[in-house]
Amino acid sequence: MVTSNSKSYFKTVEASHRTYTKAIRKARTRQGIMNLYWRHKRQHEQLLKKHLRDEMAAINQLKKKIK
């Protein structure tokens, strides 16, 4: 099920990947590339955590309506 929340999440992830790939192309050192990767990974994990928290809140609201 794709909700407006999911669409927002996917747009944010897409924007994150765009900036990440641009930065990777401009990186000049191996350490610079690794730093970009770790920063991107941390951002991705935060986005996913927020997305799943929002989805769980929506599920709980639906469950309350059924009771």
N, C-alpha and C. Protein backbone atom coordinates (compact mmCIF):
# COMPACT_ATOMS: atom_id res chain seq x y z
N MET A 1 0.85 -1.17 0.00
CA MET A 1 0.00 0.00 0.00
C MET A 1 0.90 1.24 0.00
N VAL A 2 0.73 2.08 -0.97
CA VAL A 2 1.51 3.30 -1.07
C VAL A 2 0.65 4.46 -0.60
N THR A 3 1.09 5.08 0.48
CA THR A 3 0.37 6.22 1.03
C THR A 3 1.13 7.49 0.71
N SER A 4 0.55 8.61 1.09
CA SER A 4 1.26 9.88 0.87
C SER A 4 2.54 9.91 1.70
N ASN A 5 2.51 9.27 2.85
CA ASN A 5 3.70 9.17 3.69
C ASN A 5 4.79 8.39 2.97
N SER A 6 4.41 7.31 2.30
CA SER A 6 5.37 6.50 1.55
C SER A 6 5.96 7.29 0.39
N LYS A 7 5.11 8.03 -0.29
CA LYS A 7 5.58 8.83 -1.42
C LYS A 7 6.61 9.85 -0.95
N SER A 8 6.32 10.48 0.18
CA SER A 8 7.25 11.46 0.75
C SER A 8 8.57 10.79 1.11
N TYR A 9 8.50 9.60 1.67
CA TYR A 9 9.71 8.85 2.03
C TYR A 9 10.53 8.54 0.79
N PHE A 10 9.88 8.05 -0.25
CA PHE A 10 10.60 7.69 -1.47
C PHE A 10 11.23 8.91 -2.13
N LYS A 11 10.53 10.04 -2.11
CA LYS A 11 11.09 11.27 -2.68
C LYS A 11 12.32 11.70 -1.89
N THR A 12 12.26 11.59 -0.58
CA THR A 12 13.39 11.97 0.26
C THR A 12 14.58 11.05 0.01
N VAL A 13 14.33 9.77 -0.11
CA VAL A 13 15.40 8.81 -0.38
C VAL A 13 16.02 9.09 -1.75
N GLU A 14 15.18 9.36 -2.72
CA GLU A 14 15.68 9.66 -4.06
C GLU A 14 16.57 10.90 -4.05
N ALA A 15 16.16 11.93 -3.34
CA ALA A 15 16.96 13.15 -3.24
C ALA A 15 18.28 12.86 -2.54
N SER A 16 18.23 12.04 -1.52
CA SER A 16 19.44 11.66 -0.79
C SER A 16 20.41 10.93 -1.71
N HIS A 17 19.91 10.02 -2.51
CA HIS A 17 20.76 9.28 -3.43
C HIS A 17 21.36 10.18 -4.51
N ARG A 18 20.57 11.14 -4.96
CA ARG A 18 21.10 12.07 -5.97
C ARG A 18 22.28 12.86 -5.42
N THR A 19 22.14 13.41 -4.23
CA THR A 19 23.24 14.18 -3.64
C THR A 19 24.43 13.29 -3.34
N TYR A 20 24.16 12.06 -2.93
CA TYR A 20 25.24 11.11 -2.63
C TYR A 20 26.04 10.78 -3.89
N THR A 21 25.36 10.50 -4.99
CA THR A 21 26.08 10.14 -6.21
C THR A 21 26.86 11.34 -6.76
N LYS A 22 26.31 12.54 -6.63
CA LYS A 22 27.05 13.72 -7.06
C LYS A 22 28.31 13.90 -6.22
N ALA A 23 28.17 13.71 -4.93
CA ALA A 23 29.32 13.88 -4.04
C ALA A 23 30.38 12.80 -4.30
N ILE A 24 29.95 11.58 -4.58
CA ILE A 24 30.89 10.49 -4.87
C ILE A 24 31.71 10.83 -6.12
N ARG A 25 31.06 11.38 -7.12
CA ARG A 25 31.79 11.73 -8.35
C ARG A 25 32.85 12.79 -8.10
N LYS A 26 32.58 13.68 -7.13
CA LYS A 26 33.51 14.77 -6.85
C LYS A 26 34.59 14.38 -5.84
N ALA A 27 34.43 13.26 -5.17
CA ALA A 27 35.39 12.85 -4.14
C ALA A 27 36.76 12.58 -4.77
N ARG A 28 37.79 12.95 -4.04
CA ARG A 28 39.15 12.82 -4.57
C ARG A 28 40.00 11.79 -3.83
N THR A 29 39.58 11.37 -2.65
CA THR A 29 40.39 10.42 -1.88
C THR A 29 39.54 9.23 -1.47
N ARG A 30 40.21 8.15 -1.12
CA ARG A 30 39.50 6.96 -0.64
C ARG A 30 38.79 7.27 0.68
N GLN A 31 39.48 8.01 1.55
CA GLN A 31 38.87 8.35 2.84
C GLN A 31 37.66 9.25 2.64
N GLY A 32 37.73 10.15 1.68
CA GLY A 32 36.60 11.01 1.37
C GLY A 32 35.39 10.21 0.91
N ILE A 33 35.65 9.20 0.10
CA ILE A 33 34.56 8.34 -0.38
C ILE A 33 33.94 7.59 0.78
N MET A 34 34.78 7.06 1.67
CA MET A 34 34.26 6.31 2.82
C MET A 34 33.47 7.22 3.76
N ASN A 35 33.94 8.44 3.96
CA ASN A 35 33.20 9.38 4.81
C ASN A 35 31.83 9.69 4.21
N LEU A 36 31.79 9.86 2.90
CA LEU A 36 30.50 10.09 2.23
C LEU A 36 29.58 8.90 2.42
N TYR A 37 30.12 7.70 2.28
CA TYR A 37 29.31 6.49 2.44
C TYR A 37 28.73 6.41 3.85
N TRP A 38 29.57 6.62 4.86
CA TRP A 38 29.09 6.49 6.25
C TRP A 38 28.03 7.55 6.56
N ARG A 39 28.22 8.76 6.05
CA ARG A 39 27.24 9.82 6.26
C ARG A 39 25.93 9.46 5.57
N HIS A 40 26.02 8.93 4.35
CA HIS A 40 24.83 8.53 3.59
C HIS A 40 24.11 7.38 4.30
N LYS A 41 24.87 6.43 4.80
CA LYS A 41 24.28 5.29 5.49
C LYS A 41 23.52 5.75 6.74
N ARG A 42 24.14 6.64 7.51
CA ARG A 42 23.50 7.16 8.72
C ARG A 42 22.21 7.89 8.37
N GLN A 43 22.25 8.70 7.32
CA GLN A 43 21.05 9.43 6.89
C GLN A 43 19.96 8.45 6.45
N HIS A 44 20.34 7.43 5.73
CA HIS A 44 19.38 6.43 5.26
C HIS A 44 18.72 5.72 6.44
N GLU A 45 19.52 5.35 7.42
CA GLU A 45 18.97 4.66 8.60
C GLU A 45 17.99 5.55 9.36
N GLN A 46 18.31 6.84 9.47
CA GLN A 46 17.41 7.76 10.15
C GLN A 46 16.10 7.91 9.39
N LEU A 47 16.19 8.02 8.07
CA LEU A 47 14.98 8.14 7.25
C LEU A 47 14.10 6.90 7.38
N LEU A 48 14.72 5.73 7.33
CA LEU A 48 13.96 4.49 7.43
C LEU A 48 13.31 4.36 8.81
N LYS A 49 14.04 4.71 9.85
CA LYS A 49 13.51 4.63 11.21
C LYS A 49 12.28 5.54 11.35
N LYS A 50 12.38 6.76 10.83
CA LYS A 50 11.25 7.71 10.90
C LYS A 50 10.07 7.18 10.08
N HIS A 51 10.36 6.65 8.90
CA HIS A 51 9.30 6.13 8.03
C HIS A 51 8.56 4.99 8.72
N LEU A 52 9.30 4.07 9.31
CA LEU A 52 8.66 2.93 9.97
C LEU A 52 7.87 3.37 11.20
N ARG A 53 8.37 4.36 11.91
CA ARG A 53 7.64 4.90 13.07
C ARG A 53 6.32 5.51 12.61
N ASP A 54 6.35 6.26 11.51
CA ASP A 54 5.13 6.87 10.97
C ASP A 54 4.14 5.80 10.51
N GLU A 55 4.64 4.76 9.87
CA GLU A 55 3.76 3.68 9.42
C GLU A 55 3.12 2.96 10.61
N MET A 56 3.89 2.74 11.67
CA MET A 56 3.34 2.07 12.85
C MET A 56 2.26 2.94 13.49
N ALA A 57 2.44 4.24 13.49
CA ALA A 57 1.42 5.14 14.03
C ALA A 57 0.13 5.04 13.20
N ALA A 58 0.28 4.97 11.88
CA ALA A 58 -0.90 4.84 11.01
C ALA A 58 -1.60 3.51 11.24
N ILE A 59 -0.83 2.44 11.43
CA ILE A 59 -1.40 1.12 11.70
C ILE A 59 -2.17 1.14 13.02
N ASN A 60 -1.59 1.76 14.02
CA ASN A 60 -2.26 1.82 15.32
C ASN A 60 -3.56 2.61 15.25
N GLN A 61 -3.60 3.66 14.44
CA GLN A 61 -4.84 4.41 14.27
C GLN A 61 -5.90 3.55 13.60
N LEU A 62 -5.51 2.78 12.60
CA LEU A 62 -6.45 1.88 11.93
C LEU A 62 -6.97 0.82 12.89
N LYS A 63 -6.10 0.30 13.72
CA LYS A 63 -6.50 -0.73 14.69
C LYS A 63 -7.52 -0.16 15.69
N LYS A 64 -7.34 1.09 16.09
CA LYS A 64 -8.27 1.72 17.03
C LYS A 64 -9.67 1.87 16.42
N LYS A 65 -9.71 2.12 15.11
CA LYS A 65 -11.00 2.26 14.42
C LYS A 65 -11.74 0.95 14.37
N ILE A 66 -11.02 -0.15 14.27
CA ILE A 66 -11.64 -1.47 14.15
C ILE A 66 -12.25 -1.93 15.47
N LYS A 67 -11.61 -1.58 16.58
CA LYS A 67 -12.10 -2.02 17.89
C LYS A 67 -13.44 -1.52 18.21
